[in-house]
Protein backbone atom coordinates (compact mmCIF):
# COMPACT_ATOMS: atom_id res chain seq x y z
CA UNK A 1 94.64 -80.20 -44.65
CA UNK A 2 95.71 -83.83 -44.26
CA UNK A 3 97.83 -83.64 -47.40
CA UNK A 4 99.86 -80.74 -46.04
CA UNK A 5 103.06 -81.05 -44.06
CA UNK A 6 102.72 -81.26 -40.26
CA UNK A 7 104.48 -77.89 -39.85
CA UNK A 8 102.00 -76.22 -42.19
CA UNK A 9 99.08 -77.84 -40.39
CA UNK A 10 100.48 -76.61 -37.04
CA UNK A 11 100.84 -73.07 -38.40
CA UNK A 12 97.26 -73.14 -39.72
CA UNK A 13 95.97 -74.47 -36.43
CA UNK A 14 97.94 -71.89 -34.48
CA UNK A 15 96.32 -69.17 -36.69
CA UNK A 16 92.91 -70.58 -36.09
CA UNK A 17 93.66 -70.81 -32.36
CA UNK A 18 94.84 -67.20 -32.26
CA UNK A 19 91.70 -66.11 -34.12
CA UNK A 20 89.46 -68.15 -31.75
CA UNK A 21 91.22 -66.66 -28.70
CA UNK A 22 90.73 -63.13 -30.03
CA UNK A 23 87.06 -63.82 -30.61
CA UNK A 24 86.70 -65.31 -27.14
CA UNK A 25 88.40 -62.28 -25.67
CA UNK A 26 86.14 -59.93 -27.69
CA UNK A 27 83.02 -61.90 -26.70
CA UNK A 28 84.16 -61.84 -23.03
CA UNK A 29 84.48 -58.08 -23.17
CA UNK A 30 81.07 -57.77 -24.77
CA UNK A 31 79.55 -60.01 -22.10
CA UNK A 32 81.23 -57.90 -19.35
CA UNK A 33 79.87 -54.67 -20.91
CA UNK A 34 76.37 -56.14 -21.19
CA UNK A 35 76.57 -57.28 -17.54
CA UNK A 36 77.58 -53.79 -16.46
CA UNK A 37 74.76 -52.28 -18.56
CA UNK A 38 72.28 -54.67 -16.94
CA UNK A 39 73.48 -53.71 -13.42
CA UNK A 40 73.12 -50.00 -14.28
CA UNK A 41 69.64 -50.64 -15.71
CA UNK A 42 68.60 -52.48 -12.55
CA UNK A 43 69.87 -49.62 -10.43
CA UNK A 44 67.94 -47.10 -12.49
CA UNK A 45 64.84 -49.26 -12.31
CA UNK A 46 65.11 -49.46 -8.52
CA UNK A 47 65.58 -45.68 -8.29
CA UNK A 48 62.61 -45.18 -10.60
CA UNK A 49 60.47 -47.54 -8.51
CA UNK A 50 61.31 -45.53 -5.38
CA UNK A 51 60.37 -42.31 -7.16
CA UNK A 52 57.12 -43.77 -8.42
CA UNK A 53 56.19 -44.99 -4.93
CA UNK A 54 56.90 -41.47 -3.60
CA UNK A 55 54.77 -39.94 -6.39
CA UNK A 56 51.98 -42.43 -5.74
CA UNK A 57 51.88 -41.58 -1.99
CA UNK A 58 51.85 -37.85 -2.82
CA UNK A 59 49.08 -38.30 -5.32
CA UNK A 60 47.07 -40.22 -2.68
CA UNK A 61 47.56 -37.38 -0.19
CA UNK A 62 46.54 -34.81 -2.74
CA UNK A 63 43.54 -36.87 -3.68
CA UNK A 64 42.45 -36.94 -0.05
CA UNK A 65 42.91 -33.17 0.23
CA UNK A 66 40.90 -32.64 -2.95
CA UNK A 67 38.07 -34.74 -1.51
CA UNK A 68 38.10 -32.54 1.57
CA UNK A 69 38.19 -29.36 -0.55
CA UNK A 70 35.34 -30.69 -2.70
CA UNK A 71 33.17 -31.08 0.39
CA UNK A 72 33.97 -27.55 1.75
CA UNK A 73 32.58 -25.47 -1.16
CA UNK A 74 29.14 -26.95 -0.42
CA UNK A 75 29.51 -25.70 3.19
CA UNK A 76 30.67 -22.27 1.95
CA UNK A 77 27.77 -21.97 -0.47
CA UNK A 78 25.35 -22.96 2.28
CA UNK A 79 26.73 -20.17 4.46
CA UNK A 80 26.68 -17.72 1.56
CA UNK A 81 23.10 -18.66 0.78
CA UNK A 82 22.04 -17.99 4.34
CA UNK A 83 23.86 -14.65 4.35
CA UNK A 84 22.05 -13.60 1.11
CA UNK A 85 18.69 -14.75 2.53
CA UNK A 86 19.40 -12.86 5.70
CA UNK A 87 20.25 -9.67 3.71
CA UNK A 88 17.06 -10.00 1.64
CA UNK A 89 14.87 -10.52 4.75
CA UNK A 90 16.57 -7.49 6.42
CA UNK A 91 16.02 -5.38 3.29
CA UNK A 92 12.35 -6.45 3.06
CA UNK A 93 11.80 -5.75 6.75
CA UNK A 94 13.58 -2.42 6.55
CA UNK A 95 11.51 -1.42 3.53
CA UNK A 96 8.27 -2.54 5.28
CA UNK A 97 9.18 -0.70 8.49
CA UNK A 98 10.16 2.46 6.61
CA UNK A 99 6.76 2.49 4.86
CA UNK A 100 5.04 2.08 8.17
CA UNK A 101 7.04 4.96 9.56
CA UNK A 102 9.41 3.34 11.97
């Protein structure tokens, strides 16, 4: 390059400068696009975090309700057992009293 005429060197340098400016502009656009994408990703992440917090609270409430429901069947079966025992005792007493003649 040093053996070339100054006008030729200037033309080459201008060409390189134009190429460098185009690359800088392209890279700047890419950086802007990546920044936008990062902002959108952060917004989606924040929205997803809110949704997950909502889901977690709902799951906790459902879990509490399931615990209550799990305890109730035992109470229902206890009542059902006493009803069945009462029916059996009544049937036995009715059969015994009918044999006696009451």
